Amino acid sequence: MHIRLKSMSKSAIVIGAGIVGLATARALAKRGYQVTVIERSSKAVGASIRNFGMVWPIGQPEGALYERALHAKSIWKEMLAGAKCWSQEAGSLHMAYQQDELEVIQQFVEVSPYRPVSFLNAEETLAKSPAVNPDGLLGSLYSADEMIVDPREAIAAIPGYLQAALGVTFIWNTAISKVAYPAVFSGEKSWSADEIFVCSGQDFETLYPEQFSSAPLTKCKLQMMRLEAQPDDWRIGPALCGGLSFIHYHGFKAAASLPGLKARYESEYAEYLKWGIHVMASQNGMGEITVGDSHEYALTFDPFDREFINTMILDYLGTFAQFKSPKVFQSWHGIYPKMTNGATEIVIKPESGVTIINGLGGNGMTLSFGLCDEVVGGTYRS
């Protein structure tokens, strides 16, 4: 059975209903396309729901990526309002307990005049969040840019909003196993459209395997946990980060003394860096706190989580945060595609009429809405 998706307007098929697929569908529908999203599962269950829910401009370097993150944030606000989902423009706090961490913060503030960032002393930091560990606290970097969403709620609700507000059609439980423009195939069923977008996330082996096998792509496995809802509606305020996050995010490379801090961490936290651990915490609307994470790189992973990694994460968390209830009630791992050449994404056209968007790494929540708006709108520059 073949279905031709044709109308008075242009038609498009988007393969995948994770954050990249949703962002692509929105960008197309906003430009008048008749959009059909085809997803192999009954709902999105991949990396798009297995994350902190952080929209994280602070992690992006000054320039195009920072602007893309801000643009994505504005689209997130539009989507969340339409889908009636919780969010909080909580900002973020990166704590300093050593002088070299303090220097990185102060330098970053000095060279970031266009960002809403400031240095807070210890007293000001504790006033921002009751969850910060005061022992040895020297101060913190506060940024007002960051927003928290609940990815499980948002990724589940946005399809309904896109369907109701923009006429996007969703086909679930349908795995696309072949693309031959203008058609996509699932067994004996096929659909065709004017444009096809492949947003398949970590499953990049199925469609266009030759392109992906030659691309600088790998996969990253991360372990995360969620603490139970805090008693008495206790809130932690901004998202909280320890010093290891300074060397994880490229945005902080603007601080001149960052290499010195990294050298100390490589000596003192060698085991943490071996497993790619840096530690953050964000709180959702129900009061639950998501903490993590680790980073292991390979094309294939064993399916088992490593208990010692979770223990290391919680131990480091305790150096900068303390909660009313530290009880872990969920743990999981996620897997996302990651570029190995330093690029922030891969956007390629394997054949006329087909576009692949992939490889956003850990920046999917932060950049997808902005990136896909650029790709569909014709303003994307790699």
Protein backbone atom coordinates (compact mmCIF):
# COMPACT_ATOMS: atom_id res chain seq x y z
CA MET A 1 0.00 0.00 0.00
CA HIS A 2 1.41 3.38 -1.01
CA ILE A 3 0.23 6.68 0.43
CA ARG A 4 1.09 9.86 -1.42
CA LEU A 5 1.16 12.84 0.95
CA LYS A 6 0.10 15.58 -1.41
CA SER A 7 -1.98 18.70 -0.98
CA MET A 8 -2.03 22.27 -2.25
CA SER A 9 1.03 22.92 -0.08
CA LYS A 10 4.34 21.10 -0.06
CA SER A 11 4.49 17.84 1.89
CA ALA A 12 7.22 16.49 4.13
CA ILE A 13 7.92 13.28 6.01
CA VAL A 14 9.96 13.36 9.22
CA ILE A 15 11.36 10.05 10.46
CA GLY A 16 11.66 10.05 14.26
CA ALA A 17 9.63 11.74 16.99
CA GLY A 18 12.44 12.61 19.38
CA ILE A 19 13.44 16.21 20.00
CA VAL A 20 15.15 16.60 16.58
CA GLY A 21 12.15 15.15 14.76
CA LEU A 22 9.71 17.32 16.68
CA ALA A 23 11.82 20.41 16.05
CA THR A 24 11.97 19.61 12.32
CA ALA A 25 8.23 18.98 12.15
CA ARG A 26 7.52 22.30 13.84
CA ALA A 27 9.85 24.21 11.52
CA LEU A 28 8.27 22.65 8.44
CA ALA A 29 4.67 23.15 9.58
CA LYS A 30 5.36 26.79 10.46
CA ARG A 31 6.41 27.26 6.83
CA GLY A 32 3.23 25.77 5.44
CA TYR A 33 4.26 22.18 4.83
CA GLN A 34 1.85 19.29 5.26
CA VAL A 35 3.96 17.27 7.72
CA THR A 36 3.81 13.60 8.66
CA VAL A 37 6.04 12.28 11.44
CA ILE A 38 6.66 8.52 11.43
CA GLU A 39 7.99 6.98 14.66
CA ARG A 40 8.96 3.33 15.21
CA SER A 41 7.66 3.21 18.82
CA SER A 42 4.33 4.09 20.36
CA LYS A 43 6.01 7.14 21.91
CA ALA A 44 9.48 8.64 22.06
CA VAL A 45 11.56 6.64 24.54
CA GLY A 46 15.16 7.48 23.62
CA ALA A 47 17.63 10.11 24.75
CA SER A 48 15.03 12.86 24.35
CA ILE A 49 13.32 11.75 27.56
CA ARG A 50 16.42 10.44 29.35
CA ASN A 51 18.05 13.74 30.23
CA PHE A 52 18.03 16.59 32.73
CA GLY A 53 15.52 18.70 30.84
CA MET A 54 18.04 21.53 30.76
CA VAL A 55 17.90 24.15 28.04
CA TRP A 56 21.49 25.23 28.56
CA PRO A 57 22.86 28.33 26.78
CA ILE A 58 25.66 28.68 29.37
CA GLY A 59 27.32 25.61 27.86
CA GLN A 60 27.56 27.12 24.38
CA PRO A 61 30.47 29.28 23.19
CA GLU A 62 29.85 32.91 22.33
CA GLY A 63 28.57 33.49 18.82
CA ALA A 64 26.43 31.35 16.54
CA LEU A 65 25.88 28.46 18.96
CA TYR A 66 24.94 30.72 21.87
CA GLU A 67 22.51 32.59 19.62
CA ARG A 68 21.10 29.27 18.38
CA ALA A 69 20.52 28.21 21.99
CA LEU A 70 18.66 31.44 22.77
CA HIS A 71 16.54 31.03 19.64
CA ALA A 72 15.79 27.44 20.65
CA LYS A 73 14.78 28.62 24.10
CA SER A 74 12.27 31.06 22.61
CA ILE A 75 10.76 28.23 20.56
CA TRP A 76 10.67 25.98 23.62
CA LYS A 77 8.61 28.62 25.43
CA GLU A 78 6.17 28.72 22.52
CA MET A 79 5.89 24.91 22.44
CA LEU A 80 5.52 24.51 26.20
CA ALA A 81 2.83 27.17 26.42
CA GLY A 82 0.89 25.52 23.60
CA ALA A 83 1.29 22.03 25.06
CA LYS A 84 0.51 23.30 28.57
CA CYS A 85 3.68 21.84 30.06
CA TRP A 86 5.60 22.93 33.14
CA SER A 87 8.84 24.85 32.80
CA GLN A 88 10.98 27.10 34.95
CA GLU A 89 13.44 29.77 33.87
CA ALA A 90 15.53 28.79 36.84
CA GLY A 91 18.98 29.87 35.70
CA SER A 92 22.05 27.98 36.85
CA LEU A 93 24.67 28.04 39.58
CA HIS A 94 28.21 26.71 39.15
CA MET A 95 29.88 26.54 42.55
CA ALA A 96 33.53 27.25 43.41
CA TYR A 97 35.28 25.69 46.40
CA GLN A 98 38.86 26.21 45.24
CA GLN A 99 40.68 29.35 44.12
CA ASP A 100 41.25 28.11 40.56
CA GLU A 101 37.51 27.48 40.15
CA LEU A 102 36.85 30.99 41.41
CA GLU A 103 39.30 32.42 38.87
CA VAL A 104 37.55 30.63 36.00
CA ILE A 105 34.22 32.10 37.12
CA GLN A 106 35.56 35.63 37.43
CA GLN A 107 37.30 35.46 34.05
CA PHE A 108 34.22 34.05 32.36
CA VAL A 109 32.09 36.89 33.70
CA GLU A 110 34.64 39.46 32.55
CA VAL A 111 34.74 38.17 28.97
CA SER A 112 30.97 37.55 28.67
CA PRO A 113 29.41 41.03 28.63
CA TYR A 114 26.51 39.92 26.43
CA ARG A 115 25.40 37.14 28.76
CA PRO A 116 23.23 37.59 31.87
CA VAL A 117 25.96 36.20 34.14
CA SER A 118 27.41 37.39 37.42
CA PHE A 119 29.76 36.33 40.19
CA LEU A 120 28.04 35.68 43.52
CA ASN A 121 29.91 35.49 46.80
CA ALA A 122 29.14 32.68 49.23
CA GLU A 123 26.35 34.54 51.01
CA GLU A 124 24.68 35.55 47.76
CA THR A 125 24.97 31.99 46.45
CA LEU A 126 23.24 30.53 49.50
CA ALA A 127 20.49 33.10 49.11
CA LYS A 128 19.91 31.84 45.55
CA SER A 129 19.62 28.19 46.57
CA PRO A 130 19.05 26.50 49.94
CA ALA A 131 20.52 23.31 48.42
CA VAL A 132 24.08 24.57 48.01
CA ASN A 133 26.64 22.99 50.35
CA PRO A 134 28.07 25.92 52.38
CA ASP A 135 31.21 24.10 53.61
CA GLY A 136 34.20 25.81 52.03
CA LEU A 137 32.07 27.68 49.52
CA LEU A 138 33.91 30.61 47.90
CA GLY A 139 31.21 31.74 45.51
CA SER A 140 29.44 30.81 42.30
CA LEU A 141 28.69 31.72 38.72
CA TYR A 142 25.04 32.64 38.28
CA SER A 143 23.51 32.66 34.82
CA ALA A 144 19.91 33.68 34.16
CA ASP A 145 19.69 32.05 30.71
CA GLU A 146 18.97 28.44 31.64
CA MET A 147 15.50 26.92 31.60
CA ILE A 148 14.30 23.59 33.01
CA VAL A 149 11.60 21.46 31.43
CA ASP A 150 10.44 17.96 32.29
CA PRO A 151 11.55 16.06 29.19
CA ARG A 152 9.23 13.13 29.85
CA GLU A 153 6.21 15.40 30.03
CA ALA A 154 7.24 17.75 27.23
CA ILE A 155 8.29 15.20 24.61
CA ALA A 156 5.04 13.29 25.23
CA ALA A 157 2.82 16.39 25.01
CA ILE A 158 4.33 18.34 22.11
CA PRO A 159 3.07 15.92 19.39
CA GLY A 160 -0.50 16.62 20.47
CA TYR A 161 0.11 20.35 20.29
CA LEU A 162 1.76 20.11 16.86
CA GLN A 163 -1.18 18.09 15.61
CA ALA A 164 -3.83 20.42 17.04
CA ALA A 165 -2.16 23.75 16.28
CA LEU A 166 -0.21 23.05 13.09
CA GLY A 167 -1.92 20.03 11.55
CA VAL A 168 1.06 17.69 11.88
CA THR A 169 0.14 14.01 11.45
CA PHE A 170 1.85 11.38 13.59
CA ILE A 171 2.13 7.71 12.64
CA TRP A 172 3.33 5.61 15.58
CA ASN A 173 4.58 2.03 15.89
CA THR A 174 5.95 2.15 12.36
CA ALA A 175 9.63 1.51 11.65
CA ILE A 176 10.92 2.93 8.40
CA SER A 177 13.47 0.49 6.99
CA LYS A 178 14.20 2.09 3.62
CA VAL A 179 14.20 5.49 1.97
CA ALA A 180 14.18 5.89 -1.82
CA TYR A 181 13.10 9.40 -2.61
CA PRO A 182 10.30 10.37 -2.82
CA ALA A 183 9.17 7.32 -0.84
CA VAL A 184 9.81 5.79 2.57
CA PHE A 185 9.03 2.16 3.29
CA SER A 186 7.87 0.08 6.23
CA GLY A 187 7.39 -3.47 4.99
CA GLU A 188 4.78 -3.38 2.23
CA LYS A 189 3.57 0.06 3.23
CA SER A 190 5.07 3.19 1.78
CA TRP A 191 4.54 6.93 1.89
CA SER A 192 5.90 9.66 -0.32
CA ALA A 193 6.33 13.41 -0.01
CA ASP A 194 8.14 16.35 -1.53
CA GLU A 195 10.82 16.34 1.17
CA ILE A 196 12.07 13.72 3.62
CA PHE A 197 13.95 14.39 6.85
CA VAL A 198 15.74 11.58 8.68
CA CYS A 199 15.98 12.34 12.43
CA SER A 200 16.72 8.88 13.75
CA GLY A 201 19.01 9.68 16.68
CA GLN A 202 21.13 6.79 17.93
CA ASP A 203 19.60 4.43 15.37
CA PHE A 204 21.74 5.73 12.54
CA GLU A 205 22.65 2.31 11.15
CA THR A 206 19.26 1.49 9.59
CA LEU A 207 18.80 4.26 7.04
CA TYR A 208 21.63 5.37 4.75
CA PRO A 209 24.18 3.11 6.47
CA GLU A 210 26.94 3.99 4.00
CA GLN A 211 26.72 7.69 4.82
CA PHE A 212 26.77 7.04 8.53
CA SER A 213 29.57 4.50 8.45
CA SER A 214 31.81 7.08 6.79
CA ALA A 215 30.68 9.94 9.05
CA PRO A 216 32.64 10.98 12.17
CA LEU A 217 29.96 9.64 14.50
CA THR A 218 29.99 7.49 17.61
CA LYS A 219 27.57 6.96 20.48
CA CYS A 220 27.60 8.06 24.09
CA LYS A 221 26.09 6.17 27.02
CA LEU A 222 25.28 8.22 30.11
CA GLN A 223 23.98 7.14 33.51
CA MET A 224 21.50 9.24 35.46
CA MET A 225 19.30 9.09 38.54
CA ARG A 226 16.25 10.81 39.92
CA LEU A 227 15.69 11.66 43.58
CA GLU A 228 12.20 11.50 45.03
CA ALA A 229 10.02 14.61 45.29
CA GLN A 230 11.39 16.79 48.04
CA PRO A 231 9.23 17.11 51.20
CA ASP A 232 7.19 20.23 51.97
CA ASP A 233 7.41 21.46 48.35
CA TRP A 234 11.07 22.35 48.98
CA ARG A 235 12.72 23.86 45.90
CA ILE A 236 16.39 24.04 45.00
CA GLY A 237 16.03 27.11 42.76
CA PRO A 238 18.56 27.21 39.89
CA ALA A 239 20.08 24.11 38.34
CA LEU A 240 23.21 23.24 40.33
CA CYS A 241 26.64 22.31 38.94
CA GLY A 242 29.98 21.31 40.40
CA GLY A 243 33.38 22.38 39.15
CA LEU A 244 33.81 19.42 36.78
CA SER A 245 31.17 21.01 34.54
CA PHE A 246 33.61 23.84 33.76
CA ILE A 247 35.76 21.50 31.71
CA HIS A 248 32.81 19.67 30.14
CA TYR A 249 31.14 22.58 28.37
CA HIS A 250 32.86 24.48 25.57
CA GLY A 251 31.35 27.77 26.69
CA PHE A 252 33.85 28.01 29.53
CA LYS A 253 36.87 27.89 27.21
CA ALA A 254 36.59 31.68 27.15
CA ALA A 255 38.20 31.70 30.63
CA ALA A 256 41.98 31.96 30.23
CA SER A 257 42.83 29.89 33.30
CA LEU A 258 40.62 26.93 32.36
CA PRO A 259 43.58 24.77 31.17
CA GLY A 260 45.14 25.05 34.63
CA LEU A 261 41.91 23.96 36.29
CA LYS A 262 41.61 21.07 33.84
CA ALA A 263 45.16 19.96 34.67
CA ARG A 264 44.33 19.84 38.39
CA TYR A 265 41.16 17.86 37.73
CA GLU A 266 43.08 15.41 35.54
CA SER A 267 45.31 14.74 38.52
CA GLU A 268 42.79 14.78 41.36
CA TYR A 269 39.74 13.39 39.53
CA ALA A 270 41.36 11.02 37.04
CA GLU A 271 38.84 8.25 37.70
CA TYR A 272 35.94 10.68 37.25
CA LEU A 273 37.30 11.89 33.93
CA LYS A 274 37.95 8.31 32.80
CA TRP A 275 34.18 7.73 32.93
CA GLY A 276 33.33 11.22 31.68
CA ILE A 277 31.65 12.20 34.93
CA HIS A 278 30.59 15.72 35.69
CA VAL A 279 27.72 16.35 38.05
CA MET A 280 24.61 18.52 37.82
CA ALA A 281 21.16 18.61 39.38
CA SER A 282 17.85 19.97 38.14
CA GLN A 283 14.39 19.88 39.71
CA ASN A 284 11.12 19.29 37.87
CA GLY A 285 7.66 20.64 38.64
CA MET A 286 6.83 17.72 40.90
CA GLY A 287 9.85 18.43 43.08
CA GLU A 288 11.90 15.46 41.85
CA ILE A 289 15.60 16.08 41.28
CA THR A 290 17.46 14.62 38.31
CA VAL A 291 21.20 14.10 38.85
CA GLY A 292 24.02 12.84 36.64
CA ASP A 293 25.91 12.04 34.58
CA SER A 294 28.65 9.94 32.99
CA HIS A 295 29.88 9.61 29.39
CA GLU A 296 31.12 6.39 27.78
CA TYR A 297 31.87 6.34 24.04
CA ALA A 298 31.48 3.37 21.68
CA LEU A 299 29.23 2.11 18.90
CA THR A 300 27.90 -0.77 21.04
CA PHE A 301 27.38 -0.86 24.81
CA ASP A 302 26.52 -3.57 27.26
CA PRO A 303 22.99 -3.05 28.59
CA PHE A 304 24.03 -2.92 32.24
CA ASP A 305 24.50 0.17 34.38
CA ARG A 306 27.58 0.38 36.57
CA GLU A 307 26.70 0.89 40.23
CA PHE A 308 30.08 2.40 41.05
CA ILE A 309 29.47 5.18 38.51
CA ASN A 310 26.21 6.13 40.23
CA THR A 311 28.05 6.09 43.57
CA MET A 312 30.76 8.38 42.20
CA ILE A 313 28.12 10.78 40.87
CA LEU A 314 26.34 10.92 44.22
CA ASP A 315 29.60 11.33 46.13
CA TYR A 316 30.65 14.29 44.00
CA LEU A 317 27.13 15.74 44.18
CA GLY A 318 27.50 15.90 47.96
CA THR A 319 30.52 18.19 47.65
CA PHE A 320 28.34 21.05 46.33
CA ALA A 321 24.69 20.19 47.05
CA GLN A 322 22.58 18.80 49.87
CA PHE A 323 18.92 17.97 49.69
CA LYS A 324 16.13 17.44 52.20
CA SER A 325 15.66 13.93 50.80
CA PRO A 326 18.57 12.23 49.00
CA LYS A 327 16.56 9.08 48.23
CA VAL A 328 17.11 7.75 44.70
CA PHE A 329 13.95 6.21 43.28
CA GLN A 330 14.92 5.82 39.62
CA SER A 331 18.11 5.16 37.68
CA TRP A 332 18.62 4.66 33.96
CA HIS A 333 20.97 5.19 31.06
CA GLY A 334 20.54 7.01 27.79
CA ILE A 335 22.42 6.73 24.50
CA TYR A 336 22.85 9.53 22.01
CA PRO A 337 24.88 10.06 18.81
CA LYS A 338 28.03 12.16 19.16
CA MET A 339 30.34 13.72 16.58
CA THR A 340 34.00 12.72 16.92
CA ASN A 341 35.50 15.60 14.94
CA GLY A 342 34.43 18.46 17.17
CA ALA A 343 31.39 19.36 15.05
CA THR A 344 28.13 20.11 16.86
CA GLU A 345 25.86 18.26 14.42
CA ILE A 346 25.72 16.53 11.06
CA VAL A 347 23.39 17.84 8.35
CA ILE A 348 23.76 16.06 5.03
CA LYS A 349 21.72 15.39 1.90
CA PRO A 350 22.35 11.77 0.83
CA GLU A 351 20.11 12.24 -2.21
CA SER A 352 17.96 14.98 -3.67
CA GLY A 353 14.94 15.70 -1.49
CA VAL A 354 16.35 13.95 1.60
CA THR A 355 18.02 15.64 4.59
CA ILE A 356 19.63 13.89 7.57
CA ILE A 357 19.88 15.81 10.86
CA ASN A 358 21.79 14.03 13.61
CA GLY A 359 24.80 14.09 15.91
CA LEU A 360 23.81 16.83 18.37
CA GLY A 361 25.36 14.91 21.25
CA GLY A 362 24.30 16.14 24.66
CA ASN A 363 22.96 19.41 23.24
CA GLY A 364 19.71 18.09 21.80
CA MET A 365 17.42 19.84 24.25
CA THR A 366 19.42 23.06 24.03
CA LEU A 367 19.96 23.38 20.28
CA SER A 368 17.47 21.25 18.31
CA PHE A 369 14.68 23.78 17.93
CA GLY A 370 17.13 26.43 16.78
CA LEU A 371 19.15 24.17 14.50
CA CYS A 372 16.14 22.66 12.75
CA ASP A 373 14.58 26.08 12.26
CA GLU A 374 17.80 27.13 10.51
CA VAL A 375 17.98 23.99 8.36
CA VAL A 376 14.38 24.17 7.20
CA GLY A 377 14.49 27.96 6.83
CA GLY A 378 17.62 27.84 4.67
CA THR A 379 19.83 29.87 7.01
CA TYR A 380 21.91 26.97 8.37
CA ARG A 381 25.67 27.24 7.99
CA SER A 382 27.82 24.31 9.10
